[in-house]
Amino acid sequence: MIYDAAQNRPTFSVIVPVYNAAETIEDTIASIRSQSLEDLELILVDDGSSDDSLLKMLRLAGSDPRVRLVAQPNGGVSAARNRGAAIAQGGLLAFCDSDDLWHAEKLAAHHAYHLANPALSGSYAQIAFVERHCSASHQKRTLSSVPDGDLTLAQIIGENPVCTTSNLVVTRAAFERIGGFAEGMNYAEDQEWLARAVTQGESISGIDELLVGYRLSPGGLSVNLEQMYAGWRELTGLYGADQDTAAAEAIYCRYLARRALRGGNPPADARRYALRGLSLNPSAFLSDMRRGGATLIAAFAAGAMPSSMRLRLFA
């Protein structure tokens, strides 16, 4: 059951972990509050912010009875999400990071999808990569793809079509079976949760519709990509025993090269990841020529043009 009317519980609990997000949190909350499906509670978990995030959330919480605000000492994004899930009342849990944006029909689309597929544990959709200063999810630069059928472990370890936890909706019952996000794991914690879910036999599938805007943060992205790569290696150490890890790593390096191009990193970053992936498993890296071939060309052509043109063409 998704919604327990007898208990007067909301259909959705939306959980937003917040850490020093004063620059973006108001737009993120606005996109959630403007959902066409209004039967929701919004749980904001401040994870020890030292900027004005908490003050901004307090002002917003006072103007909407659906908003619940929780503050805790900094424990990391997984701990913040788990805290929100522990107090959530909704039959469906939807996660959104504090700098991302939702299309107004996101929750309505997921609700309809789960009603039509009652055995489903979780769902995701298509995302758009957008500029950090954008305030609407439709101001897209490039889109993710949604494969047919249930999400597989190979897909999660490879390019992870869910892309971001802001894209994930899961039933309360499934979240209780699977358990919370791995605390202390701040990179690849979303992939670890998905990998754990599918290895336990849970069914997660995608909606081929643009519903989320993932705002890019060029500053410091080089460091983040390396940390993502380290998190990915930790993930494969846990779940890669029966996988072709060389092929999966080649595909993940392709993903990192594309992230470098989207985020405006120095062209050398994109080249490094592209060459690493190509050397690990050329056929896997080029398995999707639209992604592999184009990424390889972009990684080497990017240095010959201004950054603004590179972002328009390759992101």
C-alpha atoms as a PDB file:
ATOM      1  CA  MET A   1       0.000   0.000   0.000  1.00  0.00           C
ATOM      2  CA  ILE A   2       1.336   3.441  -0.955  1.00  0.00           C
ATOM      3  CA  TYR A   3      -1.018   5.619   1.072  1.00  0.00           C
ATOM      4  CA  ASP A   4      -2.783   4.820   4.318  1.00  0.00           C
ATOM      5  CA  ALA A   5      -5.792   7.145   4.328  1.00  0.00           C
ATOM      6  CA  ALA A   6      -7.022   5.722   7.627  1.00  0.00           C
ATOM      7  CA  GLN A   7      -3.846   6.945   9.319  1.00  0.00           C
ATOM      8  CA  ASN A   8      -4.043  10.328   7.580  1.00  0.00           C
ATOM      9  CA  ARG A   9      -0.506   9.992   6.333  1.00  0.00           C
ATOM     10  CA  PRO A  10       0.850  11.906   3.324  1.00  0.00           C
ATOM     11  CA  THR A  11       1.392  10.103   0.054  1.00  0.00           C
ATOM     12  CA  PHE A  12       4.988  11.362  -0.131  1.00  0.00           C
ATOM     13  CA  SER A  13       7.713  12.211   2.332  1.00  0.00           C
ATOM     14  CA  VAL A  14      10.320  14.344   0.589  1.00  0.00           C
ATOM     15  CA  ILE A  15      13.687  14.233   2.364  1.00  0.00           C
ATOM     16  CA  VAL A  16      16.287  16.943   1.745  1.00  0.00           C
ATOM     17  CA  PRO A  17      19.717  16.755   3.448  1.00  0.00           C
ATOM     18  CA  VAL A  18      21.175  20.252   3.777  1.00  0.00           C
ATOM     19  CA  TYR A  19      24.753  21.280   4.444  1.00  0.00           C
ATOM     20  CA  ASN A  20      25.893  24.849   3.711  1.00  0.00           C
ATOM     21  CA  ALA A  21      23.431  25.255   0.850  1.00  0.00           C
ATOM     22  CA  ALA A  22      22.334  28.847   1.448  1.00  0.00           C
ATOM     23  CA  GLU A  23      22.993  29.722  -2.204  1.00  0.00           C
ATOM     24  CA  THR A  24      20.644  27.068  -3.627  1.00  0.00           C
ATOM     25  CA  ILE A  25      18.232  25.803  -0.960  1.00  0.00           C
ATOM     26  CA  GLU A  26      15.463  28.342  -1.629  1.00  0.00           C
ATOM     27  CA  ASP A  27      15.159  27.355  -5.312  1.00  0.00           C
ATOM     28  CA  THR A  28      15.253  23.674  -4.392  1.00  0.00           C
ATOM     29  CA  ILE A  29      12.482  24.063  -1.809  1.00  0.00           C
ATOM     30  CA  ALA A  30      10.429  26.178  -4.226  1.00  0.00           C
ATOM     31  CA  SER A  31      10.554  23.395  -6.823  1.00  0.00           C
ATOM     32  CA  ILE A  32       9.298  20.896  -4.229  1.00  0.00           C
ATOM     33  CA  ARG A  33       6.554  23.123  -2.856  1.00  0.00           C
ATOM     34  CA  SER A  34       5.285  23.778  -6.386  1.00  0.00           C
ATOM     35  CA  GLN A  35       4.563  20.108  -7.090  1.00  0.00           C
ATOM     36  CA  SER A  36       1.207  19.479  -8.769  1.00  0.00           C
ATOM     37  CA  LEU A  37       0.697  16.599  -6.327  1.00  0.00           C
ATOM     38  CA  GLU A  38       0.431  18.516  -3.075  1.00  0.00           C
ATOM     39  CA  ASP A  39      -0.087  15.583  -0.676  1.00  0.00           C
ATOM     40  CA  LEU A  40       3.409  15.603   0.764  1.00  0.00           C
ATOM     41  CA  GLU A  41       5.492  16.407   3.779  1.00  0.00           C
ATOM     42  CA  LEU A  42       8.856  18.067   3.241  1.00  0.00           C
ATOM     43  CA  ILE A  43      11.528  17.036   5.740  1.00  0.00           C
ATOM     44  CA  LEU A  44      14.560  19.326   5.764  1.00  0.00           C
ATOM     45  CA  VAL A  45      17.521  17.896   7.662  1.00  0.00           C
ATOM     46  CA  ASP A  46      20.170  20.492   8.429  1.00  0.00           C
ATOM     47  CA  ASP A  47      23.441  18.601   8.812  1.00  0.00           C
ATOM     48  CA  GLY A  48      25.363  21.105  10.907  1.00  0.00           C
ATOM     49  CA  SER A  49      25.458  23.976   8.397  1.00  0.00           C
ATOM     50  CA  SER A  50      27.671  26.941   9.266  1.00  0.00           C
ATOM     51  CA  ASP A  51      26.159  29.361   6.713  1.00  0.00           C
ATOM     52  CA  ASP A  52      22.647  30.844   6.484  1.00  0.00           C
ATOM     53  CA  SER A  53      20.975  27.600   5.377  1.00  0.00           C
ATOM     54  CA  LEU A  54      19.182  27.031   8.681  1.00  0.00           C
ATOM     55  CA  LEU A  55      17.915  30.608   8.872  1.00  0.00           C
ATOM     56  CA  LYS A  56      16.500  30.420   5.350  1.00  0.00           C
ATOM     57  CA  MET A  57      14.831  27.095   6.079  1.00  0.00           C
ATOM     58  CA  LEU A  58      13.304  28.416   9.289  1.00  0.00           C
ATOM     59  CA  ARG A  59      11.650  31.253   7.364  1.00  0.00           C
ATOM     60  CA  LEU A  60      10.263  28.828   4.775  1.00  0.00           C
ATOM     61  CA  ALA A  61       9.099  26.296   7.367  1.00  0.00           C
ATOM     62  CA  GLY A  62       6.994  28.944   9.055  1.00  0.00           C
ATOM     63  CA  SER A  63       5.017  29.610   5.881  1.00  0.00           C
ATOM     64  CA  ASP A  64       4.070  26.021   4.951  1.00  0.00           C
ATOM     65  CA  PRO A  65       2.617  23.479   7.409  1.00  0.00           C
ATOM     66  CA  ARG A  66       3.890  20.634   5.227  1.00  0.00           C
ATOM     67  CA  VAL A  67       7.508  21.506   6.077  1.00  0.00           C
ATOM     68  CA  ARG A  68       9.294  19.791   8.960  1.00  0.00           C
ATOM     69  CA  LEU A  69      12.761  21.004   9.949  1.00  0.00           C
ATOM     70  CA  VAL A  70      15.315  18.905  11.824  1.00  0.00           C
ATOM     71  CA  ALA A  71      18.822  20.001  12.818  1.00  0.00           C
ATOM     72  CA  GLN A  72      21.700  17.740  13.808  1.00  0.00           C
ATOM     73  CA  PRO A  73      25.501  17.909  14.172  1.00  0.00           C
ATOM     74  CA  ASN A  74      27.331  17.234  10.930  1.00  0.00           C
ATOM     75  CA  GLY A  75      27.273  13.513  10.195  1.00  0.00           C
ATOM     76  CA  GLY A  76      27.367  13.375   6.416  1.00  0.00           C
ATOM     77  CA  VAL A  77      24.754  13.130   3.715  1.00  0.00           C
ATOM     78  CA  SER A  78      23.848   9.486   4.405  1.00  0.00           C
ATOM     79  CA  ALA A  79      23.203  10.149   8.083  1.00  0.00           C
ATOM     80  CA  ALA A  80      21.041  13.159   7.177  1.00  0.00           C
ATOM     81  CA  ARG A  81      18.952  11.162   4.705  1.00  0.00           C
ATOM     82  CA  ASN A  82      18.552   8.327   7.196  1.00  0.00           C
ATOM     83  CA  ARG A  83      17.432  10.778   9.900  1.00  0.00           C
ATOM     84  CA  GLY A  84      14.771  12.128   7.566  1.00  0.00           C
ATOM     85  CA  ALA A  85      13.607   8.647   6.577  1.00  0.00           C
ATOM     86  CA  ALA A  86      13.328   7.630  10.233  1.00  0.00           C
ATOM     87  CA  ILE A  87      10.712  10.296  10.947  1.00  0.00           C
ATOM     88  CA  ALA A  88       8.963  10.183   7.564  1.00  0.00           C
ATOM     89  CA  GLN A  89       5.245   9.377   7.504  1.00  0.00           C
ATOM     90  CA  GLY A  90       4.619   8.953   3.781  1.00  0.00           C
ATOM     91  CA  GLY A  91       4.106   5.699   1.950  1.00  0.00           C
ATOM     92  CA  LEU A  92       6.580   6.838  -0.712  1.00  0.00           C
ATOM     93  CA  LEU A  93       9.967   8.374   0.134  1.00  0.00           C
ATOM     94  CA  ALA A  94      11.461  10.837  -2.351  1.00  0.00           C
ATOM     95  CA  PHE A  95      14.969  12.206  -1.918  1.00  0.00           C
ATOM     96  CA  CYS A  96      16.243  15.555  -3.200  1.00  0.00           C
ATOM     97  CA  ASP A  97      19.657  17.115  -2.674  1.00  0.00           C
ATOM     98  CA  SER A  98      19.780  20.735  -1.558  1.00  0.00           C
ATOM     99  CA  ASP A  99      21.031  22.111  -4.880  1.00  0.00           C
ATOM    100  CA  ASP A 100      18.826  20.211  -7.331  1.00  0.00           C
ATOM    101  CA  LEU A 101      15.479  21.036  -8.942  1.00  0.00           C
ATOM    102  CA  TRP A 102      12.296  19.116  -9.641  1.00  0.00           C
ATOM    103  CA  HIS A 103       9.846  19.434 -12.498  1.00  0.00           C
ATOM    104  CA  ALA A 104       6.371  20.320 -11.198  1.00  0.00           C
ATOM    105  CA  GLU A 105       4.989  16.922 -12.295  1.00  0.00           C
ATOM    106  CA  LYS A 106       7.705  14.780 -10.706  1.00  0.00           C
ATOM    107  CA  LEU A 107       5.783  13.385  -7.752  1.00  0.00           C
ATOM    108  CA  ALA A 108       2.576  12.968  -9.755  1.00  0.00           C
ATOM    109  CA  ALA A 109       4.473  10.955 -12.382  1.00  0.00           C
ATOM    110  CA  HIS A 110       6.108   8.689  -9.798  1.00  0.00           C
ATOM    111  CA  HIS A 111       2.815   8.223  -7.962  1.00  0.00           C
ATOM    112  CA  ALA A 112       1.042   7.123 -11.146  1.00  0.00           C
ATOM    113  CA  TYR A 113       3.944   4.812 -12.027  1.00  0.00           C
ATOM    114  CA  HIS A 114       3.855   3.074  -8.652  1.00  0.00           C
ATOM    115  CA  LEU A 115       0.075   2.725  -8.750  1.00  0.00           C
ATOM    116  CA  ALA A 116       0.378   1.072 -12.162  1.00  0.00           C
ATOM    117  CA  ASN A 117       3.242  -1.175 -10.913  1.00  0.00           C
ATOM    118  CA  PRO A 118       2.368  -2.075  -7.306  1.00  0.00           C
ATOM    119  CA  ALA A 119       5.185  -4.646  -6.987  1.00  0.00           C
ATOM    120  CA  LEU A 120       7.793  -1.976  -7.719  1.00  0.00           C
ATOM    121  CA  SER A 121      10.210  -1.081  -4.918  1.00  0.00           C
ATOM    122  CA  GLY A 122      11.616   2.094  -6.403  1.00  0.00           C
ATOM    123  CA  SER A 123      11.616   4.346  -9.440  1.00  0.00           C
ATOM    124  CA  TYR A 124      13.670   7.033 -11.129  1.00  0.00           C
ATOM    125  CA  ALA A 125      13.384   9.183 -14.255  1.00  0.00           C
ATOM    126  CA  GLN A 126      15.383  11.220 -16.723  1.00  0.00           C
ATOM    127  CA  ILE A 127      17.495  14.105 -15.436  1.00  0.00           C
ATOM    128  CA  ALA A 128      18.824  17.245 -17.081  1.00  0.00           C
ATOM    129  CA  PHE A 129      22.265  18.629 -16.308  1.00  0.00           C
ATOM    130  CA  VAL A 130      21.758  22.376 -15.852  1.00  0.00           C
ATOM    131  CA  GLU A 131      23.883  25.408 -14.988  1.00  0.00           C
ATOM    132  CA  ARG A 132      24.302  26.039 -11.267  1.00  0.00           C
ATOM    133  CA  HIS A 133      22.592  29.432 -11.494  1.00  0.00           C
ATOM    134  CA  CYS A 134      19.486  28.030 -13.202  1.00  0.00           C
ATOM    135  CA  SER A 135      16.252  28.042 -11.223  1.00  0.00           C
ATOM    136  CA  ALA A 136      14.222  25.668 -13.428  1.00  0.00           C
ATOM    137  CA  SER A 137      14.809  22.009 -14.280  1.00  0.00           C
ATOM    138  CA  HIS A 138      13.880  22.493 -17.957  1.00  0.00           C
ATOM    139  CA  GLN A 139      16.873  24.801 -18.613  1.00  0.00           C
ATOM    140  CA  LYS A 140      18.851  21.791 -19.733  1.00  0.00           C
ATOM    141  CA  ARG A 141      22.302  21.312 -21.221  1.00  0.00           C
ATOM    142  CA  THR A 142      22.156  17.545 -21.673  1.00  0.00           C
ATOM    143  CA  LEU A 143      19.968  14.636 -20.586  1.00  0.00           C
ATOM    144  CA  SER A 144      20.463  11.246 -18.974  1.00  0.00           C
ATOM    145  CA  SER A 145      19.048   8.089 -20.536  1.00  0.00           C
ATOM    146  CA  VAL A 146      16.570   5.648 -19.006  1.00  0.00           C
ATOM    147  CA  PRO A 147      17.094   1.982 -19.969  1.00  0.00           C
ATOM    148  CA  ASP A 148      14.181  -0.407 -20.402  1.00  0.00           C
ATOM    149  CA  GLY A 149      13.294  -2.873 -17.660  1.00  0.00           C
ATOM    150  CA  ASP A 150      14.467  -3.271 -14.100  1.00  0.00           C
ATOM    151  CA  LEU A 151      17.730  -1.692 -13.017  1.00  0.00           C
ATOM    152  CA  THR A 152      20.615  -4.198 -13.003  1.00  0.00           C
ATOM    153  CA  LEU A 153      23.758  -4.404 -10.909  1.00  0.00           C
ATOM    154  CA  ALA A 154      25.890  -4.019 -14.053  1.00  0.00           C
ATOM    155  CA  GLN A 155      24.103  -0.766 -14.908  1.00  0.00           C
ATOM    156  CA  ILE A 156      24.541   0.569 -11.368  1.00  0.00           C
ATOM    157  CA  ILE A 157      28.260  -0.252 -11.264  1.00  0.00           C
ATOM    158  CA  GLY A 158      28.737   1.121 -14.788  1.00  0.00           C
ATOM    159  CA  GLU A 159      27.151   4.439 -15.681  1.00  0.00           C
ATOM    160  CA  ASN A 160      24.337   4.412 -13.072  1.00  0.00           C
ATOM    161  CA  PRO A 161      21.269   5.682 -14.968  1.00  0.00           C
ATOM    162  CA  VAL A 162      19.716   6.957 -11.719  1.00  0.00           C
ATOM    163  CA  CYS A 163      22.604   9.513 -11.674  1.00  0.00           C
ATOM    164  CA  THR A 164      21.647  11.234  -8.411  1.00  0.00           C
ATOM    165  CA  THR A 165      19.642  10.491  -5.274  1.00  0.00           C
ATOM    166  CA  SER A 166      17.481  13.501  -6.214  1.00  0.00           C
ATOM    167  CA  ASN A 167      16.056  11.186  -8.868  1.00  0.00           C
ATOM    168  CA  LEU A 168      15.049   8.348  -6.520  1.00  0.00           C
ATOM    169  CA  VAL A 169      11.622   7.437  -5.149  1.00  0.00           C
ATOM    170  CA  VAL A 170      11.220   4.295  -3.035  1.00  0.00           C
ATOM    171  CA  THR A 171       8.349   2.755  -1.130  1.00  0.00           C
ATOM    172  CA  ARG A 172       8.554   2.966   2.633  1.00  0.00           C
ATOM    173  CA  ALA A 173       8.257  -0.830   2.901  1.00  0.00           C
ATOM    174  CA  ALA A 174      11.169  -1.384   0.514  1.00  0.00           C
ATOM    175  CA  PHE A 175      13.367   1.166   2.316  1.00  0.00           C
ATOM    176  CA  GLU A 176      12.718  -0.635   5.592  1.00  0.00           C
ATOM    177  CA  ARG A 177      13.668  -3.973   3.994  1.00  0.00           C
ATOM    178  CA  ILE A 178      16.808  -2.643   2.305  1.00  0.00           C
ATOM    179  CA  GLY A 179      17.988  -0.420   5.137  1.00  0.00           C
ATOM    180  CA  GLY A 180      19.356   3.100   5.065  1.00  0.00           C
ATOM    181  CA  PHE A 181      22.233   4.707   3.205  1.00  0.00           C
ATOM    182  CA  ALA A 182      25.743   3.665   4.247  1.00  0.00           C
ATOM    183  CA  GLU A 183      26.876   6.255   6.785  1.00  0.00           C
ATOM    184  CA  GLY A 184      30.437   7.466   6.412  1.00  0.00           C
ATOM    185  CA  MET A 185      30.303   6.821   2.656  1.00  0.00           C
ATOM    186  CA  ASN A 186      29.795  10.226   1.010  1.00  0.00           C
ATOM    187  CA  TYR A 187      30.729   9.283  -2.562  1.00  0.00           C
ATOM    188  CA  ALA A 188      28.973   6.373  -4.294  1.00  0.00           C
ATOM    189  CA  GLU A 189      26.643   6.003  -1.294  1.00  0.00           C
ATOM    190  CA  ASP A 190      23.711   6.252  -3.697  1.00  0.00           C
ATOM    191  CA  GLN A 191      25.148   3.512  -5.927  1.00  0.00           C
ATOM    192  CA  GLU A 192      25.855   1.346  -2.882  1.00  0.00           C
ATOM    193  CA  TRP A 193      22.220   1.646  -1.768  1.00  0.00           C
ATOM    194  CA  LEU A 194      20.975   0.777  -5.262  1.00  0.00           C
ATOM    195  CA  ALA A 195      23.406  -2.150  -5.532  1.00  0.00           C
ATOM    196  CA  ARG A 196      22.256  -3.462  -2.171  1.00  0.00           C
ATOM    197  CA  ALA A 197      18.640  -3.140  -3.254  1.00  0.00           C
ATOM    198  CA  VAL A 198      18.940  -5.060  -6.527  1.00  0.00           C
ATOM    199  CA  THR A 199      21.147  -7.787  -5.005  1.00  0.00           C
ATOM    200  CA  GLN A 200      18.377  -8.326  -2.444  1.00  0.00           C
ATOM    201  CA  GLY A 201      15.907  -8.840  -5.285  1.00  0.00           C
ATOM    202  CA  GLU A 202      14.181  -5.451  -5.170  1.00  0.00           C
ATOM    203  CA  SER A 203      12.672  -4.103  -8.399  1.00  0.00           C
ATOM    204  CA  ILE A 204      13.641  -0.563  -9.465  1.00  0.00           C
ATOM    205  CA  SER A 205      12.780   0.819 -12.896  1.00  0.00           C
ATOM    206  CA  GLY A 206      12.738   4.119 -14.742  1.00  0.00           C
ATOM    207  CA  ILE A 207      10.230   6.591 -16.144  1.00  0.00           C
ATOM    208  CA  ASP A 208      11.350   7.895 -19.537  1.00  0.00           C
ATOM    209  CA  GLU A 209      10.405  11.473 -18.755  1.00  0.00           C
ATOM    210  CA  LEU A 210      12.455  14.512 -17.713  1.00  0.00           C
ATOM    211  CA  LEU A 211      11.652  15.203 -14.053  1.00  0.00           C
ATOM    212  CA  VAL A 212      14.871  16.416 -12.340  1.00  0.00           C
ATOM    213  CA  GLY A 213      17.387  19.195 -12.882  1.00  0.00           C
ATOM    214  CA  TYR A 214      20.887  18.334 -11.640  1.00  0.00           C
ATOM    215  CA  ARG A 215      22.753  21.583 -11.075  1.00  0.00           C
ATOM    216  CA  LEU A 216      26.423  21.453 -11.982  1.00  0.00           C
ATOM    217  CA  SER A 217      29.035  22.872  -9.618  1.00  0.00           C
ATOM    218  CA  PRO A 218      32.251  23.557 -11.555  1.00  0.00           C
ATOM    219  CA  GLY A 219      34.191  24.768  -8.518  1.00  0.00           C
ATOM    220  CA  GLY A 220      36.163  21.918  -6.991  1.00  0.00           C
ATOM    221  CA  LEU A 221      34.798  19.348  -9.405  1.00  0.00           C
ATOM    222  CA  SER A 222      38.259  17.921 -10.170  1.00  0.00           C
ATOM    223  CA  VAL A 223      38.626  16.850  -6.546  1.00  0.00           C
ATOM    224  CA  ASN A 224      35.075  15.520  -6.464  1.00  0.00           C
ATOM    225  CA  LEU A 225      35.634  13.368  -9.548  1.00  0.00           C
ATOM    226  CA  GLU A 226      38.640  11.715  -7.938  1.00  0.00           C
ATOM    227  CA  GLN A 227      36.642  11.112  -4.774  1.00  0.00           C
ATOM    228  CA  MET A 228      33.809   9.693  -6.858  1.00  0.00           C
ATOM    229  CA  TYR A 229      36.314   7.373  -8.518  1.00  0.00           C
ATOM    230  CA  ALA A 230      37.611   6.251  -5.115  1.00  0.00           C
ATOM    231  CA  GLY A 231      34.030   5.677  -3.958  1.00  0.00           C
ATOM    232  CA  TRP A 232      33.358   3.640  -7.094  1.00  0.00           C
ATOM    233  CA  ARG A 233      36.350   1.396  -6.341  1.00  0.00           C
ATOM    234  CA  GLU A 234      34.986   0.855  -2.846  1.00  0.00           C
ATOM    235  CA  LEU A 235      31.616  -0.024  -4.367  1.00  0.00           C
ATOM    236  CA  THR A 236      33.078  -2.606  -6.737  1.00  0.00           C
ATOM    237  CA  GLY A 237      35.004  -4.110  -3.865  1.00  0.00           C
ATOM    238  CA  LEU A 238      31.652  -4.803  -2.214  1.00  0.00           C
ATOM    239  CA  TYR A 239      29.544  -5.832  -5.219  1.00  0.00           C
ATOM    240  CA  GLY A 240      31.851  -6.500  -8.166  1.00  0.00           C
ATOM    241  CA  ALA A 241      32.820 -10.127  -7.544  1.00  0.00           C
ATOM    242  CA  ASP A 242      30.573 -11.495 -10.298  1.00  0.00           C
ATOM    243  CA  GLN A 243      30.938  -8.545 -12.656  1.00  0.00           C
ATOM    244  CA  ASP A 244      33.320  -7.772 -15.505  1.00  0.00           C
ATOM    245  CA  THR A 245      35.010  -5.057 -13.514  1.00  0.00           C
ATOM    246  CA  ALA A 246      37.370  -3.965 -16.317  1.00  0.00           C
ATOM    247  CA  ALA A 247      34.401  -3.313 -18.589  1.00  0.00           C
ATOM    248  CA  ALA A 248      32.483  -1.628 -15.782  1.00  0.00           C
ATOM    249  CA  GLU A 249      35.461   0.583 -14.943  1.00  0.00           C
ATOM    250  CA  ALA A 250      35.871   1.552 -18.593  1.00  0.00           C
ATOM    251  CA  ILE A 251      32.236   2.643 -18.693  1.00  0.00           C
ATOM    252  CA  TYR A 252      32.596   4.496 -15.398  1.00  0.00           C
ATOM    253  CA  CYS A 253      35.686   6.314 -16.694  1.00  0.00           C
ATOM    254  CA  ARG A 254      33.629   7.307 -19.732  1.00  0.00           C
ATOM    255  CA  TYR A 255      31.034   8.686 -17.314  1.00  0.00           C
ATOM    256  CA  LEU A 256      33.708  10.638 -15.405  1.00  0.00           C
ATOM    257  CA  ALA A 257      35.072  12.046 -18.683  1.00  0.00           C
ATOM    258  CA  ARG A 258      31.580  13.238 -19.584  1.00  0.00           C
ATOM    259  CA  ARG A 259      31.162  14.747 -16.125  1.00  0.00           C
ATOM    260  CA  ALA A 260      34.449  16.595 -16.580  1.00  0.00           C
ATOM    261  CA  LEU A 261      33.234  18.005 -19.901  1.00  0.00           C
ATOM    262  CA  ARG A 262      29.856  18.978 -18.480  1.00  0.00           C
ATOM    263  CA  GLY A 263      31.356  20.641 -15.438  1.00  0.00           C
ATOM    264  CA  GLY A 264      33.884  22.792 -17.244  1.00  0.00           C
ATOM    265  CA  ASN A 265      36.946  21.014 -15.870  1.00  0.00           C
ATOM    266  CA  PRO A 266      40.325  21.475 -17.544  1.00  0.00           C
ATOM    267  CA  PRO A 267      40.332  19.434 -20.785  1.00  0.00           C
ATOM    268  CA  ALA A 268      43.181  17.322 -19.374  1.00  0.00           C
ATOM    269  CA  ASP A 269      40.756  15.822 -16.835  1.00  0.00           C
ATOM    270  CA  ALA A 270      38.425  14.580 -19.552  1.00  0.00           C
ATOM    271  CA  ARG A 271      41.347  13.211 -21.584  1.00  0.00           C
ATOM    272  CA  ARG A 272      42.771  11.371 -18.591  1.00  0.00           C
ATOM    273  CA  TYR A 273      39.528   9.570 -17.798  1.00  0.00           C
ATOM    274  CA  ALA A 274      38.807   8.854 -21.462  1.00  0.00           C
ATOM    275  CA  LEU A 275      42.258   7.322 -22.041  1.00  0.00           C
ATOM    276  CA  ARG A 276      42.014   5.317 -18.820  1.00  0.00           C
ATOM    277  CA  GLY A 277      38.672   3.864 -19.874  1.00  0.00           C
ATOM    278  CA  LEU A 278      39.849   3.160 -23.400  1.00  0.00           C
ATOM    279  CA  SER A 279      42.943   1.342 -22.140  1.00  0.00           C
ATOM    280  CA  LEU A 280      40.945  -0.794 -19.691  1.00  0.00           C
ATOM    281  CA  ASN A 281      38.408  -2.114 -22.194  1.00  0.00           C
ATOM    282  CA  PRO A 282      38.088  -0.431 -25.600  1.00  0.00           C
ATOM    283  CA  SER A 283      34.963  -2.341 -26.611  1.00  0.00           C
ATOM    284  CA  ALA A 284      33.149  -1.426 -23.398  1.00  0.00           C
ATOM    285  CA  PHE A 285      34.189   2.222 -23.624  1.00  0.00           C
ATOM    286  CA  LEU A 286      32.944   2.397 -27.234  1.00  0.00           C
ATOM    287  CA  SER A 287      29.935   0.121 -26.693  1.00  0.00           C
ATOM    288  CA  ASP A 288      27.622   3.081 -27.122  1.00  0.00           C
ATOM    289  CA  MET A 289      29.178   5.149 -29.902  1.00  0.00           C
ATOM    290  CA  ARG A 290      26.947   8.115 -29.131  1.00  0.00           C
ATOM    291  CA  ARG A 291      28.559   8.227 -25.701  1.00  0.00           C
ATOM    292  CA  GLY A 292      31.930   6.549 -26.207  1.00  0.00           C
ATOM    293  CA  GLY A 293      32.933   7.946 -29.585  1.00  0.00           C
ATOM    294  CA  ALA A 294      31.572  11.416 -28.909  1.00  0.00           C
ATOM    295  CA  THR A 295      33.205  11.530 -25.474  1.00  0.00           C
ATOM    296  CA  LEU A 296      36.575  10.522 -26.892  1.00  0.00           C
ATOM    297  CA  ILE A 297      36.401  13.155 -29.636  1.00  0.00           C
ATOM    298  CA  ALA A 298      35.208  15.784 -27.178  1.00  0.00           C
ATOM    299  CA  ALA A 299      37.970  15.019 -24.679  1.00  0.00           C
ATOM    300  CA  PHE A 300      40.662  15.724 -27.290  1.00  0.00           C
ATOM    301  CA  ALA A 301      38.933  18.564 -29.133  1.00  0.00           C
ATOM    302  CA  ALA A 302      37.948  20.462 -26.008  1.00  0.00           C
ATOM    303  CA  GLY A 303      41.313  22.132 -25.512  1.00  0.00           C
ATOM    304  CA  ALA A 304      41.133  23.826 -28.912  1.00  0.00           C
ATOM    305  CA  MET A 305      38.101  25.960 -28.109  1.00  0.00           C
ATOM    306  CA  PRO A 306      36.930  28.409 -25.431  1.00  0.00           C
ATOM    307  CA  SER A 307      35.352  26.933 -22.313  1.00  0.00           C
ATOM    308  CA  SER A 308      31.940  28.471 -23.045  1.00  0.00           C
ATOM    309  CA  MET A 309      31.809  26.850 -26.489  1.00  0.00           C
ATOM    310  CA  ARG A 310      33.032  23.537 -25.074  1.00  0.00           C
ATOM    311  CA  LEU A 311      30.191  23.457 -22.559  1.00  0.00           C
ATOM    312  CA  ARG A 312      27.567  24.241 -25.207  1.00  0.00           C
ATOM    313  CA  LEU A 313      28.821  21.561 -27.573  1.00  0.00           C
ATOM    314  CA  PHE A 314      29.803  18.723 -25.299  1.00  0.00           C
ATOM    315  CA  ALA A 315      27.778  19.010 -22.081  1.00  0.00           C
END
